[in-house]
Amino acid sequence: MYSLRQLAKGIRKPRMASLEINRQFHRLFSTNNESSNVFAEDWDNLIILDGCRYDVLSETDFVKKADDFTSRISSGSNSVEFLESNVNGNYLDDVVWVSANPYVSDHRESIFKVIDAWDEGWNDKCRTVLPETMVEYAKESAVEFPDKRLVVHFMQPHYPFIGPTAQELPQHRTFTGEGQTNDDPKDIWKHLQNGAVDRSLVWKAYTESLQKTLPYVDDLVEELRGRTVITADHGNAFGERGSPIPISIYGHPPGLRNNALVRVPWVVFSSKDRKNIVPDVIESNSSEISSDIKDRLRDLGYVE
């Protein structure tokens, strides 16, 4: 039930109201029967490319090297939903999770070990964790925990984009555009929605971020022992139409189930040399992390 204040706001902001109607529609009529829990799948190493679209990865030479390339339906249209669906209710006592995404840290009590690459490995200039840094953390973790399933959660191709084209984009503040004030510059998706920036330029910056990351992923696949799968937590919309109200969608808003957001890649690199996975007791993962987690989330566009 919505309050009168919320209804009045919806009248003033019809786009926001349309998105909410679509969310409620998907909540009531969409099912997650097609979506899979990644931890029920067969792998020794899981590499997550944050916000990576299936169609974009399918056009790269990277997938030609794989033993199998298909897609999965993610249970979330953003990272928070993905984590809540895949981690909540599970006891991941055989998982070491190296993450550039700060939201993973909220689930450390359900995971054997969370390694916060976003903390000490943060690049202040680029306002993200660079792929080469993630490879370093992942290789160290593979040596330290040889009998655990390893998750390596890259931030790319999620904003902030890396590469020369990213420098050509207009000044912008957040990835999602939620909660900005009138004094703040618009986020890149608002610029795109308003026609202030060309879609092809934003698309190029996004795909360039992926292309710059894949050589590091390739290096990691060669280095890691066992069966390795590359996937994404969710996709990313560039103006595709939603349903049932055909409003254009940008970024990765929560609660929506259109293809650009939830169809993700599933790239398999097989190996006869499988790990001997040994579960262990999940100890308290309350190790101290930087007090600037909100700054990290802000740079990634998750909070205002």
Protein backbone atom coordinates (compact mmCIF):
# COMPACT_ATOMS: atom_id res chain seq x y z
CA MET A 1 0.00 0.00 0.00
CA TYR A 2 1.33 3.41 -0.96
CA SER A 3 0.88 6.58 1.07
CA LEU A 4 -0.74 9.69 -0.36
CA ARG A 5 2.69 11.31 -0.35
CA GLN A 6 4.12 8.48 -2.44
CA LEU A 7 1.21 8.62 -4.87
CA ALA A 8 1.62 12.38 -5.22
CA LYS A 9 5.31 11.88 -5.93
CA GLY A 10 4.43 9.33 -8.59
CA ILE A 11 2.17 11.83 -10.30
CA ARG A 12 4.94 14.45 -10.28
CA LYS A 13 7.52 11.94 -11.52
CA PRO A 14 5.81 9.58 -13.99
CA ARG A 15 9.06 7.84 -14.98
CA MET A 16 9.72 6.84 -11.38
CA ALA A 17 6.12 5.65 -11.05
CA SER A 18 6.42 3.58 -14.24
CA LEU A 19 9.56 1.88 -12.97
CA GLU A 20 7.81 1.05 -9.71
CA ILE A 21 4.81 -0.40 -11.54
CA ASN A 22 7.16 -2.59 -13.56
CA ARG A 23 8.92 -3.73 -10.39
CA GLN A 24 5.62 -4.71 -8.78
CA PHE A 25 4.58 -6.51 -11.96
CA HIS A 26 7.76 -8.58 -12.01
CA ARG A 27 7.50 -9.23 -8.29
CA LEU A 28 3.96 -10.60 -8.71
CA PHE A 29 4.14 -12.39 -12.05
CA SER A 30 7.77 -13.26 -12.72
CA THR A 31 9.33 -16.39 -11.27
CA ASN A 32 12.93 -17.22 -10.57
CA ASN A 33 12.47 -20.82 -11.71
CA GLU A 34 14.95 -20.27 -14.52
CA SER A 35 17.52 -18.59 -12.31
CA SER A 36 20.21 -20.68 -10.70
CA ASN A 37 22.15 -20.45 -7.49
CA VAL A 38 25.78 -20.22 -8.55
CA PHE A 39 26.95 -22.22 -5.54
CA ALA A 40 24.91 -25.23 -6.65
CA GLU A 41 26.85 -25.31 -9.93
CA ASP A 42 29.97 -27.38 -10.66
CA TRP A 43 33.15 -25.27 -10.43
CA ASP A 44 36.34 -24.89 -8.43
CA ASN A 45 36.84 -21.22 -9.33
CA LEU A 46 34.13 -18.69 -10.13
CA ILE A 47 35.12 -15.41 -11.75
CA ILE A 48 32.41 -12.76 -11.56
CA LEU A 49 32.51 -9.80 -13.96
CA ASP A 50 30.29 -7.21 -12.31
CA GLY A 51 27.55 -5.93 -14.60
CA CYS A 52 28.71 -7.91 -17.65
CA ARG A 53 26.15 -8.39 -20.40
CA TYR A 54 25.91 -11.78 -22.10
CA ASP A 55 25.72 -10.31 -25.60
CA VAL A 56 28.80 -8.14 -25.13
CA LEU A 57 30.99 -10.99 -23.87
CA SER A 58 29.68 -13.27 -26.62
CA GLU A 59 31.24 -10.98 -29.25
CA THR A 60 34.76 -11.27 -27.82
CA ASP A 61 37.49 -13.71 -28.82
CA PHE A 62 37.78 -14.72 -25.17
CA VAL A 63 34.80 -17.10 -25.34
CA LYS A 64 36.27 -18.95 -28.32
CA LYS A 65 38.88 -20.44 -25.98
CA ALA A 66 36.27 -21.87 -23.61
CA ASP A 67 35.09 -25.47 -23.43
CA ASP A 68 31.50 -24.27 -23.16
CA PHE A 69 29.77 -20.92 -23.49
CA THR A 70 26.13 -20.40 -22.67
CA SER A 71 24.02 -18.15 -20.45
CA ARG A 72 22.24 -18.23 -17.13
CA ILE A 73 19.38 -16.17 -15.72
CA SER A 74 20.59 -14.25 -12.69
CA SER A 75 18.37 -14.07 -9.66
CA GLY A 76 19.03 -10.34 -9.32
CA SER A 77 19.15 -7.25 -11.50
CA ASN A 78 21.79 -5.65 -9.28
CA SER A 79 24.56 -6.82 -6.93
CA VAL A 80 22.53 -6.59 -3.74
CA GLU A 81 19.77 -8.83 -5.10
CA PHE A 82 22.31 -11.28 -6.52
CA LEU A 83 24.08 -11.59 -3.17
CA GLU A 84 20.89 -11.89 -1.15
CA SER A 85 19.60 -14.64 -3.41
CA ASN A 86 22.82 -16.64 -3.71
CA VAL A 87 24.34 -16.20 -0.25
CA ASN A 88 21.49 -15.71 2.21
CA GLY A 89 20.42 -19.03 3.68
CA ASN A 90 23.60 -20.76 2.55
CA TYR A 91 26.56 -21.80 4.69
CA LEU A 92 29.50 -21.32 2.35
CA ASP A 93 32.11 -22.98 4.51
CA ASP A 94 34.20 -24.04 1.50
CA VAL A 95 34.33 -20.63 -0.24
CA VAL A 96 37.03 -17.96 -0.29
CA TRP A 97 35.66 -14.79 -1.90
CA VAL A 98 38.09 -12.18 -3.21
CA SER A 99 35.98 -9.13 -3.94
CA ALA A 100 36.28 -5.69 -5.48
CA ASN A 101 32.61 -5.13 -4.62
CA PRO A 102 32.15 -3.82 -1.05
CA TYR A 103 28.66 -5.32 -0.73
CA VAL A 104 30.14 -8.82 -0.42
CA SER A 105 31.51 -7.79 2.98
CA ASP A 106 27.95 -7.62 4.32
CA HIS A 107 27.75 -11.42 3.94
CA ARG A 108 31.04 -12.41 5.54
CA GLU A 109 29.33 -14.34 8.35
CA SER A 110 28.06 -16.85 5.75
CA ILE A 111 31.38 -17.28 3.92
CA PHE A 112 34.51 -19.10 5.09
CA LYS A 113 36.76 -16.20 4.09
CA VAL A 114 36.08 -12.81 2.50
CA ILE A 115 39.11 -10.95 1.19
CA ASP A 116 38.29 -7.25 0.82
CA ALA A 117 40.29 -6.29 -2.25
CA TRP A 118 38.17 -3.12 -2.41
CA ASP A 119 39.76 -1.98 0.86
CA GLU A 120 43.54 -1.94 0.52
CA GLY A 121 43.53 -2.56 -3.23
CA TRP A 122 41.48 0.51 -4.10
CA ASN A 123 42.78 2.83 -6.83
CA ASP A 124 41.93 6.39 -5.79
CA LYS A 125 42.53 7.84 -9.25
CA CYS A 126 40.24 5.42 -11.07
CA ARG A 127 37.85 5.09 -8.10
CA THR A 128 37.68 1.32 -8.41
CA VAL A 129 39.82 -1.82 -8.06
CA LEU A 130 41.81 -2.40 -11.23
CA PRO A 131 41.82 -5.89 -12.79
CA GLU A 132 45.57 -6.33 -12.35
CA THR A 133 45.13 -5.80 -8.62
CA MET A 134 42.41 -8.44 -8.50
CA VAL A 135 44.68 -10.94 -10.22
CA GLU A 136 47.34 -10.40 -7.57
CA TYR A 137 44.86 -10.97 -4.74
CA ALA A 138 43.37 -14.01 -6.48
CA LYS A 139 46.70 -15.73 -7.07
CA GLU A 140 47.78 -15.17 -3.48
CA SER A 141 44.46 -16.58 -2.23
CA ALA A 142 44.72 -19.64 -4.48
CA VAL A 143 48.09 -20.47 -2.92
CA GLU A 144 46.94 -19.78 0.63
CA PHE A 145 43.65 -21.72 0.31
CA PRO A 146 44.26 -24.55 -2.20
CA ASP A 147 41.40 -26.67 -0.85
CA LYS A 148 38.64 -24.05 -1.10
CA ARG A 149 36.33 -22.95 -3.89
CA LEU A 150 37.58 -19.55 -5.02
CA VAL A 151 35.33 -16.66 -6.08
CA VAL A 152 37.08 -13.73 -7.75
CA HIS A 153 34.69 -10.79 -8.07
CA PHE A 154 36.05 -8.20 -10.53
CA MET A 155 34.38 -4.78 -10.58
CA GLN A 156 34.66 -4.38 -14.35
CA PRO A 157 32.87 -3.70 -16.64
CA HIS A 158 30.79 -1.90 -14.00
CA TYR A 159 31.24 1.85 -13.72
CA PRO A 160 33.67 3.61 -13.15
CA PHE A 161 34.84 2.60 -16.60
CA ILE A 162 38.53 2.14 -17.29
CA GLY A 163 40.23 3.03 -20.53
CA PRO A 164 40.69 6.14 -22.69
CA THR A 165 37.05 6.47 -23.77
CA ALA A 166 35.99 6.90 -20.14
CA GLN A 167 37.87 10.20 -20.13
CA GLU A 168 35.67 11.51 -22.94
CA LEU A 169 32.44 11.19 -20.95
CA PRO A 170 30.87 14.30 -19.42
CA GLN A 171 31.28 14.96 -15.73
CA HIS A 172 28.96 12.70 -13.80
CA ARG A 173 28.50 11.50 -10.26
CA THR A 174 26.91 8.12 -9.75
CA PHE A 175 26.22 4.92 -11.65
CA THR A 176 22.57 4.46 -10.65
CA GLY A 177 21.47 8.07 -10.42
CA GLU A 178 19.51 7.40 -7.24
CA GLY A 179 19.37 10.04 -4.53
CA GLN A 180 21.28 12.81 -6.24
CA THR A 181 20.67 16.44 -5.26
CA ASN A 182 20.22 19.42 -7.53
CA ASP A 183 23.76 20.54 -6.70
CA ASP A 184 25.32 17.34 -8.00
CA PRO A 185 26.27 16.64 -11.61
CA LYS A 186 24.02 14.12 -13.32
CA ASP A 187 25.02 10.46 -13.45
CA ILE A 188 26.10 9.03 -16.79
CA TRP A 189 22.75 7.26 -17.25
CA LYS A 190 20.82 10.51 -16.72
CA HIS A 191 23.05 12.12 -19.34
CA LEU A 192 22.27 9.22 -21.66
CA GLN A 193 18.54 9.34 -20.91
CA ASN A 194 18.43 13.10 -21.54
CA GLY A 195 20.38 12.84 -24.78
CA ALA A 196 23.32 14.82 -23.37
CA VAL A 197 25.77 12.08 -24.32
CA ASP A 198 25.74 9.72 -27.26
CA ARG A 199 24.84 6.10 -26.51
CA SER A 200 27.67 4.86 -28.71
CA LEU A 201 30.22 6.70 -26.56
CA VAL A 202 28.93 5.21 -23.29
CA TRP A 203 28.68 1.79 -24.94
CA LYS A 204 32.27 2.09 -26.12
CA ALA A 205 33.48 3.05 -22.64
CA TYR A 206 31.63 0.06 -21.16
CA THR A 207 32.87 -2.48 -23.72
CA GLU A 208 36.37 -1.05 -23.54
CA SER A 209 36.39 -1.69 -19.79
CA LEU A 210 35.54 -5.31 -20.45
CA GLN A 211 38.15 -5.68 -23.19
CA LYS A 212 40.86 -4.25 -20.93
CA THR A 213 39.88 -6.72 -18.19
CA LEU A 214 39.69 -9.95 -20.21
CA PRO A 215 43.47 -10.42 -20.63
CA TYR A 216 43.77 -10.46 -16.84
CA VAL A 217 40.91 -12.95 -16.60
CA ASP A 218 42.65 -15.08 -19.23
CA ASP A 219 45.84 -14.99 -17.18
CA LEU A 220 43.92 -16.07 -14.10
CA VAL A 221 42.22 -18.94 -15.90
CA GLU A 222 45.63 -20.24 -16.96
CA GLU A 223 47.00 -19.95 -13.45
CA LEU A 224 44.17 -21.38 -11.37
CA ARG A 225 43.85 -25.09 -10.72
CA GLY A 226 40.52 -26.81 -11.37
CA ARG A 227 37.33 -26.11 -13.30
CA THR A 228 36.84 -22.36 -13.78
CA VAL A 229 33.61 -20.58 -14.69
CA ILE A 230 33.25 -16.94 -15.71
CA THR A 231 29.88 -15.28 -15.14
CA ALA A 232 28.27 -12.02 -13.98
CA ASP A 233 26.09 -11.03 -11.07
CA HIS A 234 23.78 -9.06 -13.38
CA GLY A 235 23.81 -7.25 -16.71
CA ASN A 236 23.37 -3.60 -17.61
CA ALA A 237 20.73 -1.70 -19.56
CA PHE A 238 21.42 0.94 -22.20
CA GLY A 239 17.89 2.12 -22.88
CA GLU A 240 16.15 -1.19 -23.53
CA ARG A 241 12.41 -1.14 -22.99
CA GLY A 242 10.94 -2.50 -19.78
CA SER A 243 7.63 -4.27 -19.28
CA PRO A 244 4.72 -4.08 -18.96
CA ILE A 245 5.20 -0.31 -19.32
CA PRO A 246 7.71 0.10 -22.17
CA ILE A 247 9.85 2.70 -20.44
CA SER A 248 13.55 2.87 -21.27
CA ILE A 249 15.89 1.42 -18.63
CA TYR A 250 19.42 2.57 -17.90
CA GLY A 251 22.04 1.08 -15.57
CA HIS A 252 20.81 -1.80 -13.41
CA PRO A 253 17.83 -0.77 -11.26
CA PRO A 254 16.59 -3.34 -8.73
CA GLY A 255 13.57 -5.53 -9.16
CA LEU A 256 13.43 -5.63 -12.97
CA ARG A 257 13.69 -8.83 -15.02
CA ASN A 258 14.33 -7.77 -18.60
CA ASN A 259 16.94 -9.64 -20.61
CA ALA A 260 19.61 -6.93 -20.58
CA LEU A 261 19.67 -7.08 -16.78
CA VAL A 262 19.36 -10.75 -15.87
CA ARG A 263 20.72 -12.79 -18.77
CA VAL A 264 24.38 -13.31 -17.89
CA PRO A 265 27.26 -15.28 -19.44
CA TRP A 266 28.34 -18.72 -18.28
CA VAL A 267 31.81 -19.55 -19.65
CA VAL A 268 33.34 -22.89 -18.67
CA PHE A 269 37.01 -23.86 -18.73
CA SER A 270 37.24 -27.55 -17.84
CA SER A 271 40.14 -29.29 -16.15
CA LYS A 272 41.01 -32.86 -15.23
CA ASP A 273 43.04 -31.53 -12.32
CA ARG A 274 40.21 -30.77 -9.92
CA LYS A 275 40.61 -29.37 -6.42
CA ASN A 276 39.99 -31.47 -3.35
CA ILE A 277 37.52 -29.13 -1.66
CA VAL A 278 37.48 -29.28 2.13
CA PRO A 279 34.83 -27.37 4.12
CA ASP A 280 35.96 -25.63 7.27
CA VAL A 281 34.49 -23.80 10.22
CA ILE A 282 33.47 -20.25 9.42
CA GLU A 283 35.23 -18.15 11.97
CA SER A 284 34.27 -14.63 12.88
CA ASN A 285 35.02 -12.51 9.83
CA SER A 286 34.74 -9.24 11.71
CA SER A 287 38.25 -8.12 10.83
CA GLU A 288 38.64 -4.39 10.65
CA ILE A 289 38.15 -2.71 7.32
CA SER A 290 38.49 0.90 6.33
CA SER A 291 35.90 3.28 7.71
CA ASP A 292 35.41 4.67 4.21
CA ILE A 293 33.25 1.84 2.84
CA LYS A 294 30.58 4.43 1.99
CA ASP A 295 33.15 6.34 -0.02
CA ARG A 296 33.91 3.19 -1.99
CA LEU A 297 30.21 2.53 -2.61
CA ARG A 298 29.73 6.15 -3.59
CA ASP A 299 32.53 5.95 -6.15
CA LEU A 300 30.92 2.84 -7.59
CA GLY A 301 27.57 4.63 -7.70
CA TYR A 302 25.72 2.61 -5.09
CA VAL A 303 25.04 5.33 -2.51
CA GLU A 304 24.54 9.07 -2.66
